[in-house]
Structures are given as structure tokens and as C-alpha cells.
Amino acid sequence: MIQTLSKPTDQRLIHSGVSWQQFQLIQEAFSDSPGIRLSYYKGEVEIFAVSQDHEIFSGTIAGLLFIYFADKEIEFFPTGTCTQEKEGVASAQADESYCIGTQKKTPDLSIEVVFTSGTLSKLKRYQELGVLEVWFWEDGLFTIHHLRVSGYERIYHSEVLPDLDIDLLSRCLLMTSRVEAVKEFRRGIS
């Protein structure tokens, strides 16, 4: 059975005119606050409180990708919500992120579950950080953006994981039973 998505109550606060030093103080103040994500881009701070639904979808994406990596024997390093920073310019915490093949300072893939707006500003952050590919999962669908010399280009199949059926992944995320989603995903990637 496929579920209908309703927008969860993720809470988001954006404040402009913040220096990097002020942002670091804000980071320190929230360091012991689980469920709070912070990002920064050229003076704009986003403070984001994730909902339970947000975490369920994020965790399901991670679980299905772990199955995919293991099944396809792809070496990977999950970096999760690890803070990625370029001092004074940008800071981001993806919902999920991965280094493919070898561990690196900057992940090859960052994934965001989006229940609010702001994907364009998020892409600017990731571009500053040099993340090769960014996926946004919004309204039950993935949009994939691959970094080129001129910036991010929207693509329809991942170049980081070219054999992954992104439509299969989307369908499985919308299944009401996580057990059935895993079974369907395993069948689809075999």
C-alpha cells in the first residue's frame, strides 16, 4: 500500500545578517540539541527542527541505500548529518550523506528530505562545499542535481550511483510498511 504524504510540522527559522563568528556561537548553543539542524550561507542562518516523519523518511532512505551498496558491492562511508563547512562561507548538515569508494573530507552525495521550501538556497551551500551530487526528496519524488563547472545541473539519473533505479527507491519510500518496502526494493535491485 502506498501512503499519501501530508506536510509534517518541521519548523524552520531563517535569520539574515549573521557573521560567521555569530553562527559559530549559535552552533555551540545548539550542540546538545538533538533534532536541530543548522546551516549557514553568506550571512544567512537556518535553524531547522526536524519532525518524526522527517526522520522516518530519512532513516528509510539510509536503510534502502545500505541494502543497495551491499548488494552491488559498492564500498561506501556514511557520513550522515555530519556538519560540512567552508569557513566563513557555508555550513550544511544533510539528512544523509555518503562518500563512495573512499573516505573524503567532502561527501560525494548529500540527501535532503524536504518538507519546507528552500532547495535553491540549499544548492548554493552545497556548491560552495563542493558536494558532487545532491538529492532532494520532496512530495514523494527525488530531484537530482550534479555539480558541473558552471554549477548544479538537474539530472534524471544519478551519476554517482548510475545503476540505481531512482523511481524504485521513491516507490519504496512511499510504502506504508517498511518491511514490504525492503522486500520490494531487494526484488527490484536483484
Protein backbone atom coordinates (compact mmCIF):
# COMPACT_ATOMS: atom_id res chain seq x y z
CA MET A 1 0.00 0.00 0.00
CA ILE A 2 1.23 3.49 -0.87
CA GLN A 3 0.82 6.29 1.65
CA THR A 4 -0.38 9.80 0.97
CA LEU A 5 2.07 12.44 2.10
CA SER A 6 0.96 15.26 4.31
CA LYS A 7 3.38 18.03 5.12
CA PRO A 8 4.77 17.34 8.62
CA THR A 9 5.38 20.08 11.10
CA ASP A 10 9.10 20.63 10.54
CA GLN A 11 9.90 24.03 11.98
CA ARG A 12 12.30 26.36 10.24
CA LEU A 13 13.69 29.75 11.21
CA ILE A 14 15.83 31.86 8.88
CA HIS A 15 17.80 34.88 10.01
CA SER A 16 19.95 37.14 7.80
CA GLY A 17 22.89 39.39 8.60
CA VAL A 18 24.71 36.89 10.80
CA SER A 19 28.52 36.81 10.86
CA TRP A 20 30.45 33.54 10.78
CA GLN A 21 31.54 34.15 14.39
CA GLN A 22 27.92 34.62 15.46
CA PHE A 23 26.97 31.45 13.60
CA GLN A 24 29.66 29.53 15.49
CA LEU A 25 28.18 30.75 18.79
CA ILE A 26 24.73 29.61 17.64
CA GLN A 27 26.21 26.20 16.73
CA GLU A 28 27.73 25.94 20.19
CA ALA A 29 24.42 26.86 21.84
CA PHE A 30 22.62 24.06 19.95
CA SER A 31 25.41 21.46 20.23
CA ASP A 32 23.45 19.32 22.71
CA SER A 33 20.09 19.66 20.96
CA PRO A 34 19.17 16.51 19.03
CA GLY A 35 16.77 17.08 16.19
CA ILE A 36 18.06 20.59 15.47
CA ARG A 37 19.94 21.19 12.22
CA LEU A 38 21.83 24.36 11.44
CA SER A 39 23.07 25.73 8.16
CA TYR A 40 24.80 28.89 7.04
CA TYR A 41 25.36 30.58 3.72
CA LYS A 42 26.90 34.02 3.32
CA GLY A 43 25.29 35.60 6.37
CA GLU A 44 22.02 33.65 6.40
CA VAL A 45 21.40 31.12 9.17
CA GLU A 46 18.73 28.43 9.01
CA ILE A 47 17.71 26.69 12.22
CA PHE A 48 15.63 23.64 11.47
CA ALA A 49 13.79 21.34 13.90
CA VAL A 50 13.05 18.00 12.24
CA SER A 51 9.81 16.12 12.81
CA GLN A 52 9.40 12.42 13.47
CA ASP A 53 8.08 11.89 9.92
CA HIS A 54 11.15 13.65 8.55
CA GLU A 55 13.43 11.26 10.46
CA ILE A 56 11.40 8.21 9.39
CA PHE A 57 11.83 9.05 5.70
CA SER A 58 15.50 9.96 6.15
CA GLY A 59 16.18 6.71 8.01
CA THR A 60 14.33 4.68 5.38
CA ILE A 61 16.40 6.24 2.59
CA ALA A 62 19.56 5.33 4.51
CA GLY A 63 18.38 1.77 5.12
CA LEU A 64 17.48 1.16 1.48
CA LEU A 65 20.76 2.65 0.27
CA PHE A 66 22.71 0.41 2.68
CA ILE A 67 20.98 -2.58 1.08
CA TYR A 68 21.84 -1.25 -2.38
CA PHE A 69 25.50 -0.65 -1.53
CA ALA A 70 25.88 -4.12 -0.02
CA ASP A 71 24.04 -5.88 -2.85
CA LYS A 72 26.08 -4.09 -5.54
CA GLU A 73 29.33 -4.40 -3.54
CA ILE A 74 29.90 -0.65 -3.55
CA GLU A 75 32.31 0.49 -0.87
CA PHE A 76 30.80 3.45 0.96
CA PHE A 77 31.26 5.61 4.02
CA PRO A 78 28.04 7.00 5.53
CA THR A 79 28.68 10.47 6.93
CA GLY A 80 25.04 11.07 7.91
CA THR A 81 24.32 14.53 9.26
CA CYS A 82 27.98 15.36 9.82
CA THR A 83 28.50 19.12 9.53
CA GLN A 84 30.21 20.13 6.29
CA GLU A 85 31.83 23.57 6.37
CA LYS A 86 33.78 26.08 4.36
CA GLU A 87 34.86 28.57 7.00
CA GLY A 88 33.21 31.94 6.77
CA VAL A 89 31.06 30.99 3.77
CA ALA A 90 28.89 27.89 4.17
CA SER A 91 27.87 25.16 6.58
CA ALA A 92 25.35 22.37 5.99
CA GLN A 93 24.01 19.26 7.68
CA ALA A 94 22.41 16.90 5.17
CA ASP A 95 19.87 14.33 6.28
CA GLU A 96 22.10 11.63 4.80
CA SER A 97 25.47 11.84 3.06
CA TYR A 98 27.93 9.35 1.64
CA CYS A 99 31.48 9.08 0.38
CA ILE A 100 31.64 6.47 -2.38
CA GLY A 101 34.74 4.30 -2.82
CA THR A 102 36.99 6.10 -0.35
CA GLN A 103 36.51 8.30 2.68
CA LYS A 104 36.86 12.00 1.84
CA LYS A 105 36.50 15.34 3.58
CA THR A 106 33.54 16.25 1.34
CA PRO A 107 30.91 13.59 0.61
CA ASP A 108 30.10 12.59 -2.95
CA LEU A 109 26.37 12.52 -2.23
CA SER A 110 24.17 14.54 0.14
CA ILE A 111 20.47 13.83 0.52
CA GLU A 112 17.82 16.15 1.94
CA VAL A 113 14.26 15.29 2.89
CA VAL A 114 12.33 18.48 2.15
CA PHE A 115 9.02 19.31 3.84
CA THR A 116 9.57 23.06 3.54
CA SER A 117 10.82 25.25 0.70
CA GLY A 118 14.36 26.41 0.09
CA THR A 119 16.01 23.84 -2.17
CA LEU A 120 17.65 26.55 -4.28
CA SER A 121 19.42 28.15 -1.31
CA LYS A 122 20.50 24.70 -0.12
CA LEU A 123 22.09 24.00 -3.51
CA LYS A 124 24.17 27.18 -3.18
CA ARG A 125 25.53 25.91 0.15
CA TYR A 126 26.40 22.52 -1.27
CA GLN A 127 28.06 24.12 -4.30
CA GLU A 128 30.33 26.14 -2.00
CA LEU A 129 31.16 22.92 -0.16
CA GLY A 130 31.92 21.03 -3.38
CA VAL A 131 29.42 18.18 -2.91
CA LEU A 132 29.34 16.27 -6.21
CA GLU A 133 25.66 15.30 -6.15
CA VAL A 134 22.66 16.45 -4.11
CA TRP A 135 19.29 14.70 -3.97
CA PHE A 136 16.13 16.35 -2.67
CA TRP A 137 13.24 14.08 -1.73
CA GLU A 138 10.10 16.23 -1.81
CA ASP A 139 6.44 15.33 -2.30
CA GLY A 140 7.35 11.68 -2.86
CA LEU A 141 9.87 12.30 -5.64
CA PHE A 142 13.60 12.78 -5.92
CA THR A 143 15.22 15.63 -7.80
CA ILE A 144 18.90 15.03 -8.51
CA HIS A 145 21.48 17.75 -9.02
CA HIS A 146 25.02 17.04 -10.21
CA LEU A 147 27.83 19.58 -9.80
CA ARG A 148 29.34 20.86 -13.04
CA VAL A 149 31.90 23.63 -13.61
CA SER A 150 29.06 26.13 -14.05
CA GLY A 151 27.08 24.93 -11.01
CA TYR A 152 24.48 22.26 -10.36
CA GLU A 153 22.63 20.70 -13.27
CA ARG A 154 19.36 18.88 -12.70
CA ILE A 155 19.66 15.33 -13.99
CA TYR A 156 17.23 12.41 -14.00
CA HIS A 157 19.57 9.53 -13.14
CA SER A 158 22.33 9.67 -10.56
CA GLU A 159 25.86 9.88 -11.92
CA VAL A 160 27.26 8.91 -8.51
CA LEU A 161 25.07 5.77 -8.43
CA PRO A 162 24.30 5.28 -12.15
CA ASP A 163 22.72 1.83 -11.80
CA LEU A 164 20.28 2.83 -9.06
CA ASP A 165 16.64 2.93 -10.17
CA ILE A 166 15.60 6.19 -8.50
CA ASP A 167 11.91 5.54 -9.29
CA LEU A 168 12.09 2.22 -7.43
CA LEU A 169 13.65 3.99 -4.44
CA SER A 170 10.87 6.62 -4.49
CA ARG A 171 8.12 3.99 -4.72
CA CYS A 172 9.55 2.02 -1.81
CA LEU A 173 9.78 5.14 0.35
CA LEU A 174 6.05 5.71 -0.09
CA MET A 175 5.07 2.20 1.00
CA THR A 176 3.29 2.16 4.37
CA SER A 177 5.10 -0.99 5.54
CA ARG A 178 8.88 -0.65 5.89
CA VAL A 179 9.17 -4.46 5.77
CA GLU A 180 7.33 -4.57 2.43
CA ALA A 181 9.41 -1.63 1.19
CA VAL A 182 12.64 -3.53 1.89
CA LYS A 183 11.30 -6.67 0.20
CA GLU A 184 10.18 -4.70 -2.87
CA PHE A 185 13.48 -2.83 -3.04
CA ARG A 186 15.50 -6.06 -2.81
CA ARG A 187 13.41 -7.61 -5.59
CA GLY A 188 13.86 -4.52 -7.73
CA ILE A 189 17.66 -4.36 -7.46
CA SER A 190 18.28 -8.08 -7.98
